[in-house]
Amino acid sequence: MLEKLKWLYRQAARGATLVLPQRVRFAVYRNMVQCDAAPSSKLSLKVAETREELEACFKLLHDAYVHVGFMKPDPSGMRATLYHALPTTTTLLAKFDGRVVGTVSLIRDSELGFPMQKIFDIRKIRNAGGNIAEVSALAVHRRFQATGGTILFPLMKFMYQYATEFFDTSHLVIAVNPRHIGFYESLLFFRRLKQNPVEHYDFVNGAPAVGAHLDLRRAPEIFKRHYDAKEPAKNLYRYFLHLPMPNIAFPDKRFFTTNDPVMTPELLDYFFNQRTEVFAKLDDDEKRLLHSIYDLPAYKAVLPELPPDKEAGPIRMRRRHRRFSVICPATLQLGTDVRAQRYKLQVVECWMAGFRARSDVALPIDVPCTAQVELGHADHSQLTVRVLRKAHANSNTFVLQVDEPDLAWRKFVHALRKAATYGDLDNATRYLE
């Protein structure tokens, strides 16, 4: 009862601030933040990966969306979309006392793009460089919506850390109902996209939507400026960037990959064929793209049947030699003696014959070098390489050619080609051809 009264007080206070100028109103909202530096031990946060966890997330999302009119009730009792089926989407969850009470999904770019790019122009964000992820499918159980940020803030912290440390994300984008945009603008410093609010967003049953963007490369500086002088319970800068939270269990994986796919053929079949009609309702281009994404034989039996090639439209297909998103520390060495020039790199994309890497300084072009790449905590590769060119004229990313891959590199790339889920990568040796 006390928590309900506190919630009603906060709602009344927020309503009273609507007459204030935006700058003052947002400052008031930030002063109302209450984040717990030591959440209950009953709270746990992790990647949803089992059938039970995913189903609980989809059911929680369904009930929340139906309640606010963002979707009509589905016979399955779940909200599962095509984007949930992709290996580039990660669903995060919060459990309290073993029960799923919060969920949010991060949708990385893929052949299918993002849900919001169908109605919002994000070309300017793409041109700024760096990976983009759309924040989607956020829901908190109604029992905890009256308890301030008990679930929401830990879930947002998990999302922020996961996006920046594991997903190699430079930009977050969202499409939210206009009545919720104030939370993202005032507390998290999202900035609205310049398009006018969309009156009918089909992805959420025709509800209105506002697009917004957060540049994660600038976020620490912005958070520090607005929060660092505040008391601990209101200091989201410390909370998001520096506070350890043992309630969060990050994926335990062998390699430094950025995607953590969990959808096995069995899970895809269960959620998108048996329980819902997601696959049955795909158009022909979506079916082709899904087949190009899941090009392993084990998946073909559960994917929707491919339409005739003669009907193919102008869709984005995979390169012949697939490339994989990673975030691997590396060192480039020019020469072999003690005076050899060394450069720190971050490998962000790899394939058998090369990789793309970020560097804060210019790299020597077309000169034989030695690269030492940290593939995981216990896996390392030493390669003879040469820098071919910059990836783009104004970028700090370079394309490097691998002259002869060593055994560790071959195991690594073969595993990325053939593993279905991030758990499959643990035994990389079995994927060697």
Protein backbone atom coordinates (compact mmCIF):
# COMPACT_ATOMS: atom_id res chain seq x y z
CA MET A 1 0.00 0.00 0.00
CA LEU A 2 2.85 2.37 0.89
CA GLU A 3 4.52 1.74 -2.49
CA LYS A 4 1.22 2.49 -4.25
CA LEU A 5 0.90 5.79 -2.38
CA LYS A 6 4.47 6.73 -3.31
CA TRP A 7 3.69 5.96 -6.96
CA LEU A 8 0.54 8.09 -6.85
CA TYR A 9 2.54 10.94 -5.31
CA ARG A 10 5.18 10.72 -8.04
CA GLN A 11 2.51 10.67 -10.76
CA ALA A 12 0.82 13.72 -9.25
CA ALA A 13 4.17 15.52 -9.00
CA ARG A 14 4.96 14.76 -12.62
CA GLY A 15 1.56 16.03 -13.68
CA ALA A 16 2.11 19.27 -11.80
CA THR A 17 5.40 19.89 -13.64
CA LEU A 18 3.81 19.85 -17.10
CA VAL A 19 3.27 23.61 -16.97
CA LEU A 20 6.99 24.24 -16.43
CA PRO A 21 9.47 24.98 -19.24
CA GLN A 22 11.03 21.79 -20.60
CA ARG A 23 14.51 22.49 -19.19
CA VAL A 24 13.12 23.03 -15.68
CA ARG A 25 10.70 20.10 -15.99
CA PHE A 26 13.46 17.69 -17.02
CA ALA A 27 15.66 18.85 -14.14
CA VAL A 28 12.78 18.12 -11.75
CA TYR A 29 12.36 14.63 -13.25
CA ARG A 30 16.07 13.93 -12.79
CA ASN A 31 15.80 14.99 -9.16
CA MET A 32 13.00 12.44 -8.64
CA VAL A 33 15.23 9.51 -9.64
CA GLN A 34 15.52 6.75 -7.05
CA CYS A 35 17.97 3.99 -7.96
CA ASP A 36 19.00 1.33 -5.48
CA ALA A 37 22.75 0.71 -5.37
CA ALA A 38 22.17 -2.64 -3.66
CA PRO A 39 19.06 -4.30 -5.13
CA SER A 40 17.45 -7.28 -3.42
CA SER A 41 19.29 -10.58 -3.79
CA LYS A 42 15.99 -11.91 -5.15
CA LEU A 43 16.58 -9.83 -8.32
CA SER A 44 18.62 -11.36 -11.14
CA LEU A 45 19.27 -10.12 -14.68
CA LYS A 46 20.48 -12.17 -17.63
CA VAL A 47 20.08 -12.94 -21.32
CA ALA A 48 16.87 -14.88 -22.03
CA GLU A 49 18.01 -18.16 -23.59
CA THR A 50 15.80 -21.08 -22.53
CA ARG A 51 12.34 -21.81 -23.88
CA GLU A 52 10.84 -21.06 -20.47
CA GLU A 53 12.65 -17.72 -20.17
CA LEU A 54 11.80 -16.57 -23.67
CA GLU A 55 8.16 -17.63 -23.30
CA ALA A 56 7.89 -15.73 -20.01
CA CYS A 57 9.33 -12.61 -21.68
CA PHE A 58 6.99 -12.87 -24.66
CA LYS A 59 3.98 -13.36 -22.35
CA LEU A 60 4.94 -10.42 -20.15
CA LEU A 61 5.35 -8.27 -23.26
CA HIS A 62 2.00 -9.44 -24.66
CA ASP A 63 0.11 -8.58 -21.48
CA ALA A 64 1.78 -5.18 -21.19
CA TYR A 65 1.11 -4.28 -24.84
CA VAL A 66 -2.50 -5.45 -24.72
CA HIS A 67 -3.08 -3.47 -21.53
CA VAL A 68 -2.01 -0.17 -23.13
CA GLY A 69 -3.54 -0.91 -26.55
CA PHE A 70 -0.28 -1.50 -28.44
CA MET A 71 -1.56 -4.85 -29.75
CA LYS A 72 -4.68 -6.94 -29.85
CA PRO A 73 -4.74 -10.13 -27.75
CA ASP A 74 -3.03 -13.01 -29.52
CA PRO A 75 -4.30 -16.60 -29.08
CA SER A 76 -0.78 -17.61 -28.03
CA GLY A 77 -0.76 -15.10 -25.17
CA MET A 78 2.65 -13.96 -26.44
CA ARG A 79 4.14 -11.10 -28.42
CA ALA A 80 6.89 -12.59 -30.57
CA THR A 81 7.96 -10.76 -33.73
CA LEU A 82 10.22 -11.62 -36.63
CA TYR A 83 12.94 -9.49 -35.00
CA HIS A 84 12.90 -11.76 -31.96
CA ALA A 85 13.79 -14.63 -34.29
CA LEU A 86 17.04 -13.05 -35.50
CA PRO A 87 20.51 -13.98 -34.22
CA THR A 88 21.30 -10.25 -34.04
CA THR A 89 18.57 -9.64 -31.46
CA THR A 90 19.18 -10.21 -27.77
CA THR A 91 16.35 -10.33 -25.25
CA LEU A 92 17.31 -9.33 -21.71
CA LEU A 93 15.24 -10.21 -18.68
CA ALA A 94 14.85 -9.39 -15.00
CA LYS A 95 13.68 -12.06 -12.58
CA PHE A 96 12.45 -11.45 -9.06
CA ASP A 97 12.35 -14.50 -6.82
CA GLY A 98 12.68 -16.67 -9.93
CA ARG A 99 9.81 -15.08 -11.87
CA VAL A 100 10.35 -12.96 -15.00
CA VAL A 101 9.16 -9.43 -14.14
CA GLY A 102 10.95 -7.31 -16.76
CA THR A 103 12.23 -7.60 -20.29
CA VAL A 104 13.76 -5.50 -23.06
CA SER A 105 15.22 -6.43 -26.45
CA LEU A 106 18.20 -4.97 -28.30
CA ILE A 107 17.84 -5.33 -32.07
CA ARG A 108 21.11 -4.94 -33.95
CA ASP A 109 21.32 -4.10 -37.61
CA SER A 110 20.84 -7.00 -40.00
CA GLU A 111 19.59 -7.74 -43.50
CA LEU A 112 16.13 -6.91 -42.12
CA GLY A 113 17.16 -3.58 -40.59
CA PHE A 114 15.19 -2.21 -37.63
CA PRO A 115 11.43 -2.00 -37.02
CA MET A 116 11.53 1.80 -36.68
CA GLN A 117 13.43 2.47 -39.90
CA LYS A 118 10.24 1.67 -41.80
CA ILE A 119 8.85 5.01 -40.63
CA PHE A 120 11.85 7.03 -39.40
CA ASP A 121 14.86 8.17 -41.41
CA ILE A 122 18.05 7.07 -39.59
CA ARG A 123 20.50 7.71 -42.42
CA LYS A 124 22.17 10.55 -40.50
CA ILE A 125 22.84 8.18 -37.60
CA ARG A 126 24.26 5.55 -39.94
CA ASN A 127 26.52 8.15 -41.53
CA ALA A 128 27.94 9.04 -38.10
CA GLY A 129 29.59 5.60 -37.99
CA GLY A 130 29.42 2.84 -35.41
CA ASN A 131 26.93 0.06 -34.74
CA ILE A 132 23.27 0.87 -34.07
CA ALA A 133 20.81 -1.04 -31.90
CA GLU A 134 17.11 -0.39 -31.48
CA VAL A 135 15.72 -0.63 -27.95
CA SER A 136 12.44 -2.48 -28.26
CA ALA A 137 9.91 -4.67 -26.46
CA LEU A 138 10.29 -3.10 -23.01
CA ALA A 139 7.89 -4.32 -20.34
CA VAL A 140 7.82 -4.40 -16.53
CA HIS A 141 5.30 -6.47 -14.61
CA ARG A 142 2.42 -4.34 -13.32
CA ARG A 143 3.18 -5.42 -9.74
CA PHE A 144 6.49 -3.54 -9.94
CA GLN A 145 5.34 -0.45 -11.83
CA ALA A 146 4.33 1.17 -8.54
CA THR A 147 7.76 0.63 -6.96
CA GLY A 148 9.67 3.35 -8.80
CA GLY A 149 12.75 1.98 -10.50
CA THR A 150 13.05 -1.29 -8.55
CA ILE A 151 13.04 -3.30 -11.78
CA LEU A 152 13.27 -0.63 -14.48
CA PHE A 153 16.56 0.97 -13.44
CA PRO A 154 18.49 -2.31 -13.00
CA LEU A 155 17.11 -3.43 -16.37
CA MET A 156 18.23 -0.14 -17.97
CA LYS A 157 21.68 -0.50 -16.37
CA PHE A 158 21.95 -4.05 -17.72
CA MET A 159 20.90 -2.83 -21.17
CA TYR A 160 23.41 0.04 -21.10
CA GLN A 161 26.32 -2.19 -20.03
CA TYR A 162 25.39 -4.94 -22.43
CA ALA A 163 25.08 -2.53 -25.35
CA THR A 164 28.40 -0.81 -24.68
CA GLU A 165 30.53 -3.71 -23.41
CA PHE A 166 29.19 -6.73 -25.32
CA PHE A 167 27.11 -5.48 -28.27
CA ASP A 168 29.74 -2.93 -29.46
CA THR A 169 26.98 -0.36 -29.86
CA SER A 170 27.62 3.30 -30.64
CA HIS A 171 23.99 4.41 -31.06
CA LEU A 172 20.68 3.47 -29.46
CA VAL A 173 17.44 4.31 -31.26
CA ILE A 174 13.86 3.97 -30.07
CA ALA A 175 10.32 4.48 -31.28
CA VAL A 176 8.04 5.10 -28.30
CA ASN A 177 4.59 6.41 -27.54
CA PRO A 178 4.62 10.23 -27.11
CA ARG A 179 3.53 9.93 -23.48
CA HIS A 180 6.68 7.91 -22.67
CA ILE A 181 9.27 9.98 -24.56
CA GLY A 182 9.80 12.28 -21.56
CA PHE A 183 11.45 9.45 -19.59
CA TYR A 184 14.01 8.85 -22.33
CA GLU A 185 14.63 12.54 -22.96
CA SER A 186 14.88 13.77 -19.38
CA LEU A 187 16.65 10.88 -17.64
CA LEU A 188 18.60 9.11 -20.41
CA PHE A 189 19.18 12.11 -22.73
CA PHE A 190 17.76 10.62 -25.90
CA ARG A 191 17.17 13.27 -28.55
CA ARG A 192 14.12 13.23 -30.77
CA LEU A 193 14.58 12.53 -34.45
CA LYS A 194 13.57 15.50 -36.55
CA GLN A 195 10.56 13.85 -38.15
CA ASN A 196 7.20 14.73 -36.71
CA PRO A 197 5.61 12.13 -34.40
CA VAL A 198 4.05 9.28 -36.38
CA GLU A 199 0.32 9.08 -35.81
CA HIS A 200 -0.04 5.41 -36.72
CA TYR A 201 2.87 3.00 -36.11
CA ASP A 202 1.83 -0.41 -37.42
CA PHE A 203 4.45 -2.23 -35.30
CA VAL A 204 2.42 -1.34 -32.19
CA ASN A 205 -1.15 -1.64 -33.49
CA GLY A 206 -1.28 1.80 -35.06
CA ALA A 207 -0.44 3.72 -31.87
CA PRO A 208 1.40 7.06 -32.26
CA ALA A 209 5.20 6.99 -31.99
CA VAL A 210 8.13 9.34 -31.54
CA GLY A 211 11.63 8.42 -32.73
CA ALA A 212 14.70 9.25 -30.63
CA HIS A 213 18.44 8.62 -30.58
CA LEU A 214 21.22 8.40 -27.98
CA ASP A 215 24.87 8.62 -29.02
CA LEU A 216 26.53 6.24 -26.56
CA ARG A 217 29.96 7.69 -27.31
CA ARG A 218 28.85 11.01 -25.80
CA ALA A 219 26.58 9.57 -23.10
CA PRO A 220 29.22 9.25 -20.31
CA GLU A 221 30.14 12.92 -20.59
CA ILE A 222 26.46 13.99 -20.61
CA PHE A 223 25.55 11.74 -17.67
CA LYS A 224 28.51 13.01 -15.66
CA ARG A 225 27.59 16.65 -16.28
CA HIS A 226 24.00 16.22 -15.12
CA TYR A 227 24.26 13.56 -12.41
CA ASP A 228 27.72 13.41 -10.86
CA ALA A 229 27.03 16.03 -8.18
CA LYS A 230 23.85 14.29 -7.02
CA GLU A 231 23.45 11.97 -4.06
CA PRO A 232 24.04 8.24 -4.78
CA ALA A 233 20.33 7.36 -5.12
CA LYS A 234 19.94 9.98 -7.88
CA ASN A 235 23.35 9.62 -9.53
CA LEU A 236 22.64 7.72 -12.76
CA TYR A 237 26.17 8.49 -14.00
CA ARG A 238 27.71 6.40 -11.22
CA TYR A 239 24.86 3.89 -11.39
CA PHE A 240 25.20 3.16 -15.12
CA LEU A 241 28.94 3.47 -15.60
CA HIS A 242 30.73 2.63 -12.35
CA LEU A 243 28.52 0.74 -9.92
CA PRO A 244 29.15 -3.04 -9.79
CA MET A 245 25.89 -4.97 -9.66
CA PRO A 246 26.30 -8.68 -8.81
CA ASN A 247 22.64 -9.28 -9.76
CA ILE A 248 23.68 -9.08 -13.45
CA ALA A 249 24.94 -12.28 -15.10
CA PHE A 250 26.61 -11.47 -18.41
CA PRO A 251 26.92 -14.24 -21.03
CA ASP A 252 29.76 -16.66 -20.29
CA LYS A 253 31.28 -17.27 -23.70
CA ARG A 254 34.57 -18.39 -25.14
CA PHE A 255 35.08 -15.74 -27.82
CA PHE A 256 34.69 -11.97 -27.93
CA THR A 257 31.69 -11.97 -30.26
CA THR A 258 29.11 -9.17 -30.17
CA ASN A 259 26.01 -11.23 -30.96
CA ASP A 260 24.71 -13.85 -28.54
CA PRO A 261 22.22 -15.91 -30.58
CA VAL A 262 20.09 -18.36 -28.61
CA MET A 263 17.53 -19.49 -31.19
CA THR A 264 18.04 -23.16 -31.99
CA PRO A 265 15.95 -24.72 -34.78
CA GLU A 266 13.72 -26.19 -32.07
CA LEU A 267 13.11 -22.79 -30.46
CA LEU A 268 12.42 -21.12 -33.80
CA ASP A 269 9.92 -23.82 -34.67
CA TYR A 270 8.21 -23.61 -31.28
CA PHE A 271 7.80 -19.83 -31.10
CA PHE A 272 7.34 -18.84 -34.73
CA ASN A 273 5.58 -21.85 -36.28
CA GLN A 274 3.80 -23.74 -33.51
CA ARG A 275 2.80 -21.07 -31.00
CA THR A 276 2.44 -18.05 -33.30
CA GLU A 277 1.99 -17.39 -37.03
CA VAL A 278 5.01 -15.12 -37.40
CA PHE A 279 6.69 -17.21 -40.12
CA ALA A 280 3.42 -17.96 -41.89
CA LYS A 281 2.72 -14.23 -42.31
CA LEU A 282 6.11 -13.26 -43.80
CA ASP A 283 6.23 -11.78 -47.26
CA ASP A 284 8.47 -13.32 -49.93
CA ASP A 285 11.39 -10.97 -49.39
CA GLU A 286 11.34 -11.59 -45.64
CA LYS A 287 11.38 -15.34 -46.26
CA ARG A 288 14.42 -15.04 -48.52
CA LEU A 289 16.24 -12.86 -46.04
CA LEU A 290 15.49 -15.28 -43.22
CA HIS A 291 16.97 -18.13 -45.28
CA SER A 292 20.06 -16.05 -46.02
CA ILE A 293 20.51 -15.35 -42.31
CA TYR A 294 19.94 -18.93 -41.15
CA ASP A 295 21.93 -20.66 -43.87
CA LEU A 296 22.84 -23.73 -41.79
CA PRO A 297 21.18 -27.02 -42.91
CA ALA A 298 19.65 -27.66 -39.47
CA TYR A 299 17.45 -24.57 -39.78
CA LYS A 300 16.02 -25.17 -43.25
CA ALA A 301 13.35 -27.61 -42.05
CA VAL A 302 11.76 -25.05 -39.70
CA LEU A 303 11.97 -21.95 -41.91
CA PRO A 304 9.07 -20.99 -44.20
CA GLU A 305 9.31 -22.41 -47.71
CA LEU A 306 11.31 -20.29 -50.12
CA PRO A 307 9.30 -18.61 -52.90
CA PRO A 308 10.42 -19.01 -56.54
CA ASP A 309 13.57 -17.05 -57.39
CA LYS A 310 11.88 -15.35 -60.34
CA GLU A 311 9.85 -13.30 -57.85
CA ALA A 312 12.87 -12.02 -55.97
CA GLY A 313 12.96 -8.29 -55.36
CA PRO A 314 15.84 -5.91 -54.63
CA ILE A 315 16.82 -7.27 -51.20
CA ARG A 316 20.08 -7.23 -49.31
CA MET A 317 21.74 -10.66 -49.38
CA ARG A 318 24.86 -11.87 -47.61
CA ARG A 319 28.32 -11.67 -49.03
CA ARG A 320 29.68 -14.88 -50.44
CA HIS A 321 32.28 -14.88 -47.65
CA ARG A 322 30.33 -14.12 -44.51
CA ARG A 323 31.67 -11.54 -42.10
CA PHE A 324 31.21 -11.71 -38.35
CA SER A 325 30.84 -8.96 -35.79
CA VAL A 326 33.38 -9.23 -32.96
CA ILE A 327 35.12 -6.97 -30.46
CA CYS A 328 38.63 -8.36 -30.10
CA PRO A 329 41.63 -6.42 -28.70
CA ALA A 330 44.69 -6.67 -30.96
CA THR A 331 48.19 -5.34 -31.47
CA LEU A 332 49.77 -4.60 -34.84
CA GLN A 333 53.58 -4.71 -34.95
CA LEU A 334 55.75 -3.30 -37.74
CA GLY A 335 59.20 -4.92 -37.57
CA THR A 336 60.63 -7.58 -35.27
CA ASP A 337 63.25 -5.91 -33.04
CA VAL A 338 62.76 -4.07 -29.74
CA ARG A 339 62.28 -0.78 -31.60
CA ALA A 340 59.40 -2.15 -33.63
CA GLN A 341 56.42 0.21 -34.02
CA ARG A 342 53.28 -1.09 -32.29
CA TYR A 343 49.68 -0.03 -32.76
CA LYS A 344 46.69 -0.87 -30.58
CA LEU A 345 43.67 -2.12 -32.53
CA GLN A 346 40.15 -3.30 -31.89
CA VAL A 347 39.02 -5.93 -34.39
CA VAL A 348 35.31 -5.34 -35.09
CA GLU A 349 34.60 -7.63 -38.04
CA CYS A 350 36.36 -10.74 -39.30
CA TRP A 351 36.39 -13.34 -42.05
CA MET A 352 38.88 -16.05 -42.97
CA ALA A 353 41.05 -13.86 -45.22
CA GLY A 354 40.94 -10.63 -43.25
CA PHE A 355 39.38 -8.34 -40.71
CA ARG A 356 38.32 -4.75 -40.05
CA ALA A 357 39.85 -2.98 -37.07
CA ARG A 358 39.62 0.40 -35.37
CA SER A 359 42.76 2.40 -34.66
CA ASP A 360 43.17 5.81 -33.03
CA VAL A 361 46.11 6.55 -35.33
CA ALA A 362 46.83 6.06 -39.01
CA LEU A 363 48.20 2.63 -39.94
CA PRO A 364 50.93 1.93 -42.52
CA ILE A 365 49.35 0.89 -45.82
CA ASP A 366 50.53 -2.17 -47.77
CA VAL A 367 53.38 -3.07 -45.42
CA PRO A 368 53.77 -6.60 -43.99
CA CYS A 369 53.02 -6.58 -40.24
CA THR A 370 52.35 -9.03 -37.44
CA ALA A 371 48.98 -8.93 -35.72
CA GLN A 372 48.31 -10.52 -32.36
CA VAL A 373 44.56 -10.85 -31.82
CA GLU A 374 42.88 -11.77 -28.54
CA LEU A 375 39.99 -13.95 -29.70
CA GLY A 376 38.79 -14.72 -26.18
CA HIS A 377 40.16 -14.89 -22.65
CA ALA A 378 42.12 -18.06 -23.46
CA ASP A 379 42.35 -17.95 -27.28
CA HIS A 380 44.94 -15.92 -29.20
CA SER A 381 46.01 -15.73 -32.81
CA GLN A 382 49.21 -14.46 -34.40
CA LEU A 383 48.88 -13.48 -38.05
CA THR A 384 50.95 -11.99 -40.84
CA VAL A 385 48.82 -9.20 -42.27
CA ARG A 386 48.93 -6.06 -44.33
CA VAL A 387 46.72 -2.99 -44.16
CA LEU A 388 44.84 -2.58 -47.43
CA ARG A 389 42.99 0.71 -46.90
CA LYS A 390 40.69 2.71 -44.69
CA ALA A 391 37.18 1.29 -44.56
CA HIS A 392 35.81 4.75 -45.39
CA ALA A 393 37.49 8.05 -46.20
CA ASN A 394 36.82 9.74 -42.85
CA SER A 395 36.78 6.67 -40.64
CA ASN A 396 39.21 5.31 -38.05
CA THR A 397 38.51 1.76 -39.24
CA PHE A 398 40.93 -0.09 -41.50
CA VAL A 399 40.66 -3.21 -43.67
CA LEU A 400 43.47 -5.75 -43.18
CA GLN A 401 44.31 -8.81 -45.25
CA VAL A 402 45.40 -12.02 -43.52
CA ASP A 403 48.22 -13.63 -45.53
CA GLU A 404 48.03 -17.04 -43.85
CA PRO A 405 45.56 -17.80 -41.05
CA ASP A 406 46.99 -19.78 -38.13
CA LEU A 407 45.16 -22.68 -36.47
CA ALA A 408 43.54 -20.49 -33.80
CA TRP A 409 42.16 -18.10 -36.43
CA ARG A 410 40.83 -20.95 -38.57
CA LYS A 411 39.09 -22.55 -35.59
CA PHE A 412 37.63 -19.17 -34.66
CA VAL A 413 36.18 -18.32 -38.08
CA HIS A 414 34.94 -21.86 -38.78
CA ALA A 415 33.15 -21.86 -35.42
CA LEU A 416 31.50 -18.52 -36.21
CA ARG A 417 30.36 -19.92 -39.56
CA LYS A 418 28.83 -23.10 -38.21
CA ALA A 419 27.77 -22.54 -34.60
CA ALA A 420 24.02 -22.03 -34.18
CA THR A 421 24.10 -20.33 -30.76
CA TYR A 422 26.73 -18.59 -28.68
CA GLY A 423 26.91 -21.68 -26.45
CA ASP A 424 27.97 -23.78 -29.43
CA LEU A 425 31.19 -21.77 -29.75
CA ASP A 426 32.71 -23.39 -26.66
CA ASN A 427 33.97 -26.35 -28.70
CA ALA A 428 35.48 -24.57 -31.69
CA THR A 429 37.77 -27.44 -32.75
CA ARG A 430 34.92 -29.60 -34.02
CA TYR A 431 34.09 -26.99 -36.67
CA LEU A 432 37.43 -27.29 -38.49
CA GLU A 433 37.07 -28.47 -42.09
